[in-house]
N, C-alpha and C. Protein backbone atom coordinates (compact mmCIF):
# COMPACT_ATOMS: atom_id res chain seq x y z
N MET A 1 -199.12 80.42 314.74
CA MET A 1 -198.87 81.64 313.99
C MET A 1 -198.48 82.76 314.96
N ASP A 2 -197.43 83.45 314.63
CA ASP A 2 -196.93 84.53 315.46
C ASP A 2 -197.70 85.80 315.12
N ASN A 3 -198.31 86.42 316.14
CA ASN A 3 -199.12 87.63 315.91
C ASN A 3 -198.35 88.91 316.24
N GLU A 4 -197.03 88.79 316.42
CA GLU A 4 -196.25 89.98 316.71
C GLU A 4 -196.22 90.89 315.49
N ARG A 5 -196.32 92.17 315.77
CA ARG A 5 -196.25 93.16 314.70
C ARG A 5 -194.79 93.31 314.25
N LEU A 6 -194.59 93.39 312.93
CA LEU A 6 -193.24 93.56 312.40
C LEU A 6 -192.69 94.92 312.81
N GLN A 7 -191.43 94.95 313.15
CA GLN A 7 -190.77 96.17 313.61
C GLN A 7 -189.53 96.45 312.76
N PRO A 8 -189.18 97.73 312.61
CA PRO A 8 -187.92 98.04 311.91
C PRO A 8 -186.75 97.59 312.77
N PRO A 9 -185.58 97.46 312.17
CA PRO A 9 -184.40 97.07 312.95
C PRO A 9 -184.02 98.19 313.91
N PRO A 10 -183.21 97.87 314.91
CA PRO A 10 -182.82 98.89 315.90
C PRO A 10 -181.87 99.92 315.30
N LEU A 11 -181.92 101.11 315.85
CA LEU A 11 -181.02 102.18 315.41
C LEU A 11 -179.56 101.86 315.67
N THR A 12 -179.28 100.86 316.49
CA THR A 12 -177.90 100.48 316.75
C THR A 12 -177.20 100.01 315.47
N LEU A 13 -177.97 99.66 314.44
CA LEU A 13 -177.36 99.31 313.16
C LEU A 13 -176.61 100.49 312.54
N LEU A 14 -176.90 101.69 313.01
CA LEU A 14 -176.21 102.88 312.52
C LEU A 14 -174.88 103.11 313.23
N ASP A 15 -174.62 102.36 314.32
CA ASP A 15 -173.36 102.52 315.05
C ASP A 15 -172.18 102.17 314.16
N ARG A 16 -171.12 102.93 314.25
CA ARG A 16 -169.92 102.70 313.46
C ARG A 16 -169.18 101.45 313.95
N TYR A 17 -168.70 100.66 313.03
CA TYR A 17 -167.90 99.48 313.33
C TYR A 17 -166.43 99.90 313.34
N ARG A 18 -165.68 99.43 314.29
CA ARG A 18 -164.29 99.83 314.42
C ARG A 18 -163.36 98.62 314.41
N GLY A 19 -163.77 97.53 313.81
CA GLY A 19 -162.94 96.32 313.77
C GLY A 19 -161.85 96.39 312.72
N GLN A 20 -161.03 95.35 312.69
CA GLN A 20 -159.89 95.31 311.77
C GLN A 20 -160.25 94.80 310.38
N GLY A 21 -161.27 93.95 310.29
CA GLY A 21 -161.63 93.39 308.99
C GLY A 21 -163.13 93.25 308.89
N PHE A 22 -163.55 92.73 307.76
CA PHE A 22 -164.98 92.51 307.53
C PHE A 22 -165.52 91.51 308.55
N THR A 23 -166.67 91.82 309.13
CA THR A 23 -167.33 90.91 310.07
C THR A 23 -168.74 90.67 309.56
N ALA A 24 -169.01 89.43 309.17
CA ALA A 24 -170.33 89.08 308.64
C ALA A 24 -171.37 89.10 309.76
N LEU A 25 -172.50 89.73 309.51
CA LEU A 25 -173.63 89.73 310.43
C LEU A 25 -174.69 88.73 309.99
N TYR A 26 -174.73 88.45 308.70
CA TYR A 26 -175.69 87.51 308.12
C TYR A 26 -175.10 87.00 306.82
N THR A 27 -175.28 85.73 306.58
CA THR A 27 -174.81 85.11 305.34
C THR A 27 -175.90 84.21 304.81
N THR A 28 -176.10 84.24 303.51
CA THR A 28 -177.07 83.37 302.87
C THR A 28 -176.46 82.81 301.60
N THR A 29 -177.01 81.72 301.14
CA THR A 29 -176.58 81.13 299.87
C THR A 29 -177.81 80.88 299.03
N VAL A 30 -177.77 81.30 297.78
CA VAL A 30 -178.80 80.99 296.81
C VAL A 30 -178.13 80.19 295.71
N THR A 31 -178.69 79.03 295.41
CA THR A 31 -178.15 78.15 294.39
C THR A 31 -179.08 78.17 293.18
N VAL A 32 -178.50 78.34 291.99
CA VAL A 32 -179.26 78.30 290.75
C VAL A 32 -178.87 77.05 289.98
N THR A 33 -179.88 76.30 289.55
CA THR A 33 -179.68 75.16 288.66
C THR A 33 -180.28 75.51 287.31
N GLY A 34 -179.90 74.77 286.27
CA GLY A 34 -180.22 75.15 284.90
C GLY A 34 -181.60 74.84 284.39
N GLY A 35 -182.32 73.90 285.00
CA GLY A 35 -183.66 73.58 284.54
C GLY A 35 -183.69 72.95 283.17
N GLU A 36 -184.83 73.05 282.52
CA GLU A 36 -185.11 72.40 281.23
C GLU A 36 -184.10 72.71 280.14
N ALA A 37 -183.69 73.97 280.02
CA ALA A 37 -182.74 74.37 278.98
C ALA A 37 -181.29 74.27 279.45
N ALA A 38 -181.09 73.78 280.67
CA ALA A 38 -179.75 73.68 281.26
C ALA A 38 -179.04 75.05 281.24
N HIS A 39 -179.81 76.10 281.48
CA HIS A 39 -179.31 77.47 281.43
C HIS A 39 -180.00 78.26 282.54
N GLY A 40 -179.25 78.65 283.55
CA GLY A 40 -179.82 79.32 284.71
C GLY A 40 -180.67 80.54 284.40
N ARG A 41 -180.26 81.33 283.43
CA ARG A 41 -181.00 82.55 283.09
C ARG A 41 -182.26 82.24 282.30
N ALA A 42 -182.23 81.19 281.47
CA ALA A 42 -183.35 80.89 280.58
C ALA A 42 -184.40 79.99 281.20
N SER A 43 -183.98 79.05 282.05
CA SER A 43 -184.94 78.09 282.60
C SER A 43 -184.57 77.63 284.00
N GLY A 44 -183.75 78.41 284.69
CA GLY A 44 -183.23 77.99 285.98
C GLY A 44 -184.23 78.08 287.12
N VAL A 45 -183.78 77.54 288.23
CA VAL A 45 -184.51 77.64 289.49
C VAL A 45 -183.53 78.16 290.52
N ALA A 46 -183.93 79.19 291.26
CA ALA A 46 -183.12 79.76 292.33
C ALA A 46 -183.71 79.33 293.67
N ARG A 47 -182.87 78.76 294.52
CA ARG A 47 -183.32 78.29 295.85
C ARG A 47 -182.35 78.79 296.92
N SER A 48 -182.90 79.37 297.97
CA SER A 48 -182.06 79.81 299.09
C SER A 48 -181.81 78.64 300.03
N ASP A 49 -180.73 78.75 300.77
CA ASP A 49 -180.36 77.67 301.69
C ASP A 49 -181.38 77.44 302.80
N ASP A 50 -182.18 78.45 303.14
CA ASP A 50 -183.20 78.28 304.19
C ASP A 50 -184.57 77.91 303.62
N GLY A 51 -184.69 77.84 302.29
CA GLY A 51 -185.95 77.45 301.65
C GLY A 51 -186.98 78.56 301.53
N ASN A 52 -186.66 79.77 301.99
CA ASN A 52 -187.63 80.87 301.90
C ASN A 52 -187.73 81.47 300.51
N LEU A 53 -186.76 81.21 299.66
CA LEU A 53 -186.78 81.73 298.30
C LEU A 53 -186.70 80.55 297.33
N VAL A 54 -187.72 80.40 296.52
CA VAL A 54 -187.72 79.41 295.44
C VAL A 54 -188.38 80.09 294.25
N LEU A 55 -187.60 80.36 293.22
CA LEU A 55 -188.10 81.11 292.07
C LEU A 55 -187.71 80.44 290.76
N ASP A 56 -188.66 80.43 289.83
CA ASP A 56 -188.35 80.03 288.46
C ASP A 56 -187.74 81.23 287.76
N LEU A 57 -186.61 81.02 287.11
CA LEU A 57 -185.95 82.08 286.36
C LEU A 57 -186.25 81.91 284.88
N ARG A 58 -186.56 83.01 284.22
CA ARG A 58 -186.87 82.98 282.79
C ARG A 58 -186.27 84.19 282.11
N LEU A 59 -185.84 83.99 280.90
CA LEU A 59 -185.33 85.07 280.07
C LEU A 59 -186.48 86.02 279.75
N PRO A 60 -186.29 87.33 279.93
CA PRO A 60 -187.36 88.28 279.62
C PRO A 60 -187.74 88.23 278.14
N ALA A 61 -188.97 88.55 277.85
CA ALA A 61 -189.44 88.57 276.46
C ALA A 61 -188.60 89.53 275.61
N ALA A 62 -188.16 90.63 276.18
CA ALA A 62 -187.34 91.61 275.45
C ALA A 62 -186.01 91.02 275.00
N MET A 63 -185.61 89.90 275.62
CA MET A 63 -184.35 89.25 275.25
C MET A 63 -184.59 87.92 274.54
N GLY A 64 -185.83 87.71 274.07
CA GLY A 64 -186.13 86.51 273.31
C GLY A 64 -186.68 85.35 274.10
N GLY A 65 -186.93 85.55 275.38
CA GLY A 65 -187.46 84.48 276.22
C GLY A 65 -188.96 84.58 276.40
N PRO A 66 -189.52 83.66 277.20
CA PRO A 66 -190.97 83.67 277.43
C PRO A 66 -191.43 84.74 278.41
N GLY A 67 -190.50 85.22 279.26
CA GLY A 67 -190.86 86.25 280.22
C GLY A 67 -191.81 85.79 281.30
N SER A 68 -191.95 84.49 281.49
CA SER A 68 -192.94 83.96 282.43
C SER A 68 -192.38 83.67 283.81
N GLY A 69 -191.28 84.28 284.16
CA GLY A 69 -190.67 84.07 285.47
C GLY A 69 -189.83 85.27 285.84
N THR A 70 -189.19 85.17 286.96
CA THR A 70 -188.32 86.23 287.45
C THR A 70 -186.99 86.17 286.72
N ASN A 71 -186.32 87.31 286.61
CA ASN A 71 -185.00 87.32 285.99
C ASN A 71 -183.98 87.99 286.92
N PRO A 72 -182.69 87.80 286.67
CA PRO A 72 -181.67 88.35 287.57
C PRO A 72 -181.77 89.86 287.78
N GLU A 73 -182.15 90.59 286.75
CA GLU A 73 -182.25 92.05 286.89
C GLU A 73 -183.34 92.44 287.87
N GLN A 74 -184.47 91.72 287.85
CA GLN A 74 -185.54 91.98 288.82
C GLN A 74 -185.07 91.67 290.24
N LEU A 75 -184.35 90.58 290.40
CA LEU A 75 -183.85 90.22 291.73
C LEU A 75 -182.86 91.26 292.25
N PHE A 76 -181.97 91.70 291.38
CA PHE A 76 -181.01 92.74 291.77
C PHE A 76 -181.74 94.02 292.13
N ALA A 77 -182.70 94.43 291.29
CA ALA A 77 -183.46 95.66 291.56
C ALA A 77 -184.20 95.56 292.88
N ALA A 78 -184.80 94.41 293.17
CA ALA A 78 -185.52 94.23 294.43
C ALA A 78 -184.58 94.33 295.62
N GLY A 79 -183.43 93.68 295.54
CA GLY A 79 -182.46 93.74 296.63
C GLY A 79 -181.95 95.15 296.85
N TYR A 80 -181.62 95.83 295.76
CA TYR A 80 -181.10 97.19 295.85
C TYR A 80 -182.16 98.11 296.45
N ALA A 81 -183.39 98.03 295.95
CA ALA A 81 -184.47 98.90 296.45
C ALA A 81 -184.75 98.63 297.93
N ALA A 82 -184.80 97.37 298.31
CA ALA A 82 -185.08 97.03 299.71
C ALA A 82 -183.98 97.52 300.63
N CYS A 83 -182.73 97.32 300.23
CA CYS A 83 -181.61 97.75 301.05
C CYS A 83 -181.56 99.27 301.16
N PHE A 84 -181.73 99.96 300.03
CA PHE A 84 -181.69 101.42 300.04
C PHE A 84 -182.83 101.98 300.89
N HIS A 85 -184.04 101.42 300.72
CA HIS A 85 -185.18 101.89 301.51
C HIS A 85 -184.92 101.67 303.00
N GLY A 86 -184.38 100.49 303.34
CA GLY A 86 -184.10 100.20 304.75
C GLY A 86 -183.07 101.16 305.34
N ALA A 87 -182.00 101.42 304.60
CA ALA A 87 -180.97 102.35 305.07
C ALA A 87 -181.54 103.76 305.21
N LEU A 88 -182.31 104.17 304.22
CA LEU A 88 -182.95 105.48 304.25
C LEU A 88 -183.89 105.60 305.45
N ALA A 89 -184.67 104.57 305.69
CA ALA A 89 -185.62 104.58 306.82
C ALA A 89 -184.91 104.67 308.16
N LEU A 90 -183.77 103.97 308.30
CA LEU A 90 -183.02 104.05 309.56
C LEU A 90 -182.48 105.47 309.78
N LEU A 91 -181.91 106.05 308.75
CA LEU A 91 -181.38 107.41 308.88
C LEU A 91 -182.51 108.41 309.15
N ALA A 92 -183.65 108.22 308.50
CA ALA A 92 -184.80 109.10 308.73
C ALA A 92 -185.34 108.93 310.15
N GLN A 93 -185.37 107.69 310.63
CA GLN A 93 -185.85 107.44 311.99
C GLN A 93 -184.97 108.17 313.00
N ARG A 94 -183.65 108.08 312.81
CA ARG A 94 -182.73 108.77 313.71
C ARG A 94 -182.96 110.28 313.67
N ALA A 95 -183.33 110.81 312.51
CA ALA A 95 -183.59 112.24 312.35
C ALA A 95 -185.04 112.61 312.67
N ARG A 96 -185.81 111.62 313.11
CA ARG A 96 -187.22 111.81 313.46
C ARG A 96 -188.06 112.31 312.27
N ILE A 97 -187.83 111.70 311.11
CA ILE A 97 -188.58 112.02 309.90
C ILE A 97 -189.46 110.84 309.56
N ASP A 98 -190.73 111.11 309.34
CA ASP A 98 -191.71 110.06 309.03
C ASP A 98 -191.49 109.52 307.62
N MET A 99 -191.28 108.21 307.51
CA MET A 99 -191.03 107.57 306.22
C MET A 99 -192.18 106.63 305.82
N ALA A 100 -193.31 106.75 306.49
CA ALA A 100 -194.41 105.81 306.25
C ALA A 100 -194.87 105.78 304.79
N ARG A 101 -194.75 106.89 304.09
CA ARG A 101 -195.23 106.93 302.70
C ARG A 101 -194.09 106.96 301.69
N ALA A 102 -192.87 106.77 302.14
CA ALA A 102 -191.71 106.81 301.25
C ALA A 102 -191.62 105.55 300.40
N SER A 103 -191.04 105.70 299.22
CA SER A 103 -190.81 104.54 298.36
C SER A 103 -189.48 104.69 297.63
N VAL A 104 -188.89 103.56 297.31
CA VAL A 104 -187.66 103.52 296.53
C VAL A 104 -187.90 102.58 295.36
N ALA A 105 -187.75 103.09 294.15
CA ALA A 105 -187.87 102.28 292.94
C ALA A 105 -186.50 102.21 292.29
N VAL A 106 -186.08 101.00 291.94
CA VAL A 106 -184.80 100.82 291.26
C VAL A 106 -185.08 100.23 289.88
N GLU A 107 -184.63 100.94 288.86
CA GLU A 107 -184.74 100.48 287.48
C GLU A 107 -183.37 99.94 287.08
N VAL A 108 -183.32 98.67 286.69
CA VAL A 108 -182.07 98.05 286.26
C VAL A 108 -182.18 97.74 284.77
N SER A 109 -181.21 98.19 284.02
CA SER A 109 -181.15 97.91 282.59
C SER A 109 -179.96 97.01 282.30
N PHE A 110 -180.19 95.96 281.54
CA PHE A 110 -179.17 95.03 281.07
C PHE A 110 -178.89 95.40 279.62
N GLY A 111 -177.65 95.64 279.28
CA GLY A 111 -177.38 96.04 277.91
C GLY A 111 -175.95 95.81 277.48
N ARG A 112 -175.67 96.24 276.28
CA ARG A 112 -174.35 96.07 275.69
C ARG A 112 -173.38 97.11 276.26
N ASP A 113 -172.17 96.67 276.51
CA ASP A 113 -171.13 97.51 277.08
C ASP A 113 -170.14 97.91 275.99
N PRO A 114 -170.09 99.20 275.63
CA PRO A 114 -169.18 99.62 274.57
C PRO A 114 -167.71 99.55 274.97
N VAL A 115 -167.44 99.45 276.27
CA VAL A 115 -166.06 99.41 276.73
C VAL A 115 -165.39 98.10 276.32
N ASP A 116 -166.06 96.97 276.56
CA ASP A 116 -165.44 95.68 276.25
C ASP A 116 -166.23 94.84 275.24
N GLY A 117 -167.35 95.37 274.76
CA GLY A 117 -168.16 94.65 273.79
C GLY A 117 -169.07 93.61 274.41
N GLY A 118 -169.00 93.46 275.72
CA GLY A 118 -169.83 92.48 276.43
C GLY A 118 -171.13 93.10 276.92
N TYR A 119 -171.44 92.83 278.19
CA TYR A 119 -172.69 93.29 278.78
C TYR A 119 -172.42 94.06 280.06
N ALA A 120 -173.37 94.88 280.44
CA ALA A 120 -173.26 95.67 281.67
C ALA A 120 -174.65 95.95 282.21
N LEU A 121 -174.69 96.36 283.46
CA LEU A 121 -175.93 96.78 284.11
C LEU A 121 -175.85 98.26 284.43
N ILE A 122 -176.98 98.91 284.33
CA ILE A 122 -177.11 100.30 284.78
C ILE A 122 -178.32 100.33 285.72
N ALA A 123 -178.16 101.00 286.85
CA ALA A 123 -179.25 101.13 287.81
C ALA A 123 -179.59 102.60 288.00
N GLU A 124 -180.90 102.88 288.05
CA GLU A 124 -181.37 104.22 288.36
C GLU A 124 -182.29 104.11 289.57
N ILE A 125 -182.00 104.88 290.60
CA ILE A 125 -182.77 104.82 291.85
C ILE A 125 -183.62 106.08 291.95
N ARG A 126 -184.92 105.88 292.17
CA ARG A 126 -185.85 106.99 292.30
C ARG A 126 -186.52 106.91 293.67
N ILE A 127 -186.38 107.98 294.44
CA ILE A 127 -186.88 108.00 295.81
C ILE A 127 -188.01 109.01 295.92
N ARG A 128 -189.12 108.58 296.52
CA ARG A 128 -190.24 109.48 296.83
C ARG A 128 -190.33 109.58 298.35
N MET A 129 -190.39 110.82 298.82
CA MET A 129 -190.52 111.08 300.25
C MET A 129 -191.58 112.14 300.47
N PRO A 130 -192.88 111.78 300.26
CA PRO A 130 -193.95 112.77 300.42
C PRO A 130 -193.92 113.41 301.80
N GLY A 131 -194.08 114.73 301.82
CA GLY A 131 -194.15 115.46 303.08
C GLY A 131 -192.79 115.86 303.63
N VAL A 132 -191.69 115.41 303.01
CA VAL A 132 -190.36 115.78 303.47
C VAL A 132 -189.84 116.89 302.56
N PRO A 133 -189.44 118.01 303.14
CA PRO A 133 -188.92 119.11 302.31
C PRO A 133 -187.77 118.61 301.41
N ARG A 134 -187.76 119.07 300.15
CA ARG A 134 -186.80 118.57 299.17
C ARG A 134 -185.35 118.64 299.65
N GLU A 135 -184.95 119.75 300.24
CA GLU A 135 -183.57 119.91 300.71
C GLU A 135 -183.23 118.83 301.75
N ARG A 136 -184.15 118.57 302.67
CA ARG A 136 -183.92 117.55 303.70
C ARG A 136 -183.90 116.16 303.07
N ALA A 137 -184.80 115.92 302.12
CA ALA A 137 -184.85 114.63 301.43
C ALA A 137 -183.54 114.37 300.68
N GLU A 138 -183.03 115.37 299.99
CA GLU A 138 -181.77 115.23 299.25
C GLU A 138 -180.60 114.94 300.19
N GLU A 139 -180.59 115.58 301.35
CA GLU A 139 -179.54 115.33 302.34
C GLU A 139 -179.61 113.88 302.84
N LEU A 140 -180.81 113.41 303.14
CA LEU A 140 -180.98 112.03 303.59
C LEU A 140 -180.54 111.03 302.52
N VAL A 141 -180.88 111.31 301.28
CA VAL A 141 -180.50 110.41 300.18
C VAL A 141 -178.98 110.38 300.01
N ARG A 142 -178.32 111.54 300.09
CA ARG A 142 -176.85 111.57 300.01
C ARG A 142 -176.23 110.75 301.13
N ASP A 143 -176.76 110.89 302.34
CA ASP A 143 -176.26 110.10 303.47
C ASP A 143 -176.51 108.61 303.26
N THR A 144 -177.66 108.29 302.70
CA THR A 144 -178.00 106.90 302.44
C THR A 144 -177.07 106.29 301.41
N GLU A 145 -176.70 107.06 300.40
CA GLU A 145 -175.77 106.56 299.38
C GLU A 145 -174.43 106.15 300.00
N ARG A 146 -174.02 106.83 301.04
CA ARG A 146 -172.76 106.49 301.71
C ARG A 146 -172.92 105.32 302.67
N PHE A 147 -174.14 105.06 303.13
CA PHE A 147 -174.41 104.05 304.15
C PHE A 147 -174.90 102.72 303.58
N CYS A 148 -175.70 102.75 302.54
CA CYS A 148 -176.32 101.55 301.99
C CYS A 148 -175.29 100.64 301.33
N PRO A 149 -175.18 99.36 301.74
CA PRO A 149 -174.21 98.45 301.14
C PRO A 149 -174.39 98.26 299.63
N TYR A 150 -175.61 98.24 299.14
CA TYR A 150 -175.82 98.09 297.69
C TYR A 150 -175.30 99.31 296.95
N ALA A 151 -175.57 100.51 297.48
CA ALA A 151 -175.07 101.73 296.83
C ALA A 151 -173.55 101.76 296.86
N LYS A 152 -172.96 101.33 297.98
CA LYS A 152 -171.51 101.27 298.07
C LYS A 152 -170.95 100.26 297.07
N MET A 153 -171.61 99.12 296.93
CA MET A 153 -171.16 98.10 295.98
C MET A 153 -171.23 98.64 294.55
N ALA A 154 -172.32 99.33 294.22
CA ALA A 154 -172.48 99.88 292.88
C ALA A 154 -171.41 100.93 292.58
N ARG A 155 -171.03 101.68 293.58
CA ARG A 155 -170.06 102.76 293.39
C ARG A 155 -168.61 102.26 293.45
N GLN A 156 -168.32 101.34 294.39
CA GLN A 156 -166.94 100.94 294.65
C GLN A 156 -166.59 99.55 294.14
N GLY A 157 -167.57 98.79 293.72
CA GLY A 157 -167.32 97.39 293.41
C GLY A 157 -167.51 96.55 294.66
N MET A 158 -167.29 95.25 294.53
CA MET A 158 -167.53 94.34 295.64
C MET A 158 -166.44 93.28 295.67
N HIS A 159 -165.98 92.92 296.84
CA HIS A 159 -165.04 91.84 296.98
C HIS A 159 -165.76 90.55 296.57
N SER A 160 -165.22 89.83 295.64
CA SER A 160 -165.87 88.63 295.12
C SER A 160 -164.83 87.53 294.94
N ILE A 161 -165.13 86.34 295.43
CA ILE A 161 -164.25 85.19 295.29
C ILE A 161 -164.98 84.17 294.43
N VAL A 162 -164.39 83.76 293.34
CA VAL A 162 -164.99 82.77 292.45
C VAL A 162 -164.12 81.52 292.51
N SER A 163 -164.75 80.37 292.77
CA SER A 163 -163.98 79.14 292.85
C SER A 163 -164.78 77.96 292.33
N VAL A 164 -164.10 76.94 291.89
CA VAL A 164 -164.71 75.69 291.46
C VAL A 164 -164.58 74.72 292.63
N ILE A 165 -165.71 74.10 293.03
CA ILE A 165 -165.68 73.13 294.13
C ILE A 165 -166.07 71.76 293.62
N ASP A 166 -165.69 70.74 294.35
CA ASP A 166 -166.05 69.37 293.98
C ASP A 166 -167.47 69.05 294.37
């Protein structure tokens, strides 16, 4: 067992990239299978390629399911909150602002989309920064919105390639 204390990432992550194209720093794959109902959202299992994530997926009770497992909206909210908190913490560290008591809550709503009649997601991000003056906190949050990849994805969209493989 490793007894090393967990540390935040280095501030060098804030350094600007000046390359010609996208350069991946980390890549992961999560595969979802359909489970008992042959439906990933209703009875699926999500597994990461490294085995660190194995989750039963279940339709929330509010959508007619049993609600006895994780759902895609919770996973998205967790990823968004973790990424935003991490980006905020890096920017605060560079500014020498204590973030020990800070929290980021992301509320994700799945609902009907009046634009196309289908479905859409809405996310609301709530940040608490006890002890940080409101004006400074708002400035950090604005900077974080420009820096956080999840916030950028939510605002600008995301490059996505969909393909069928053998």
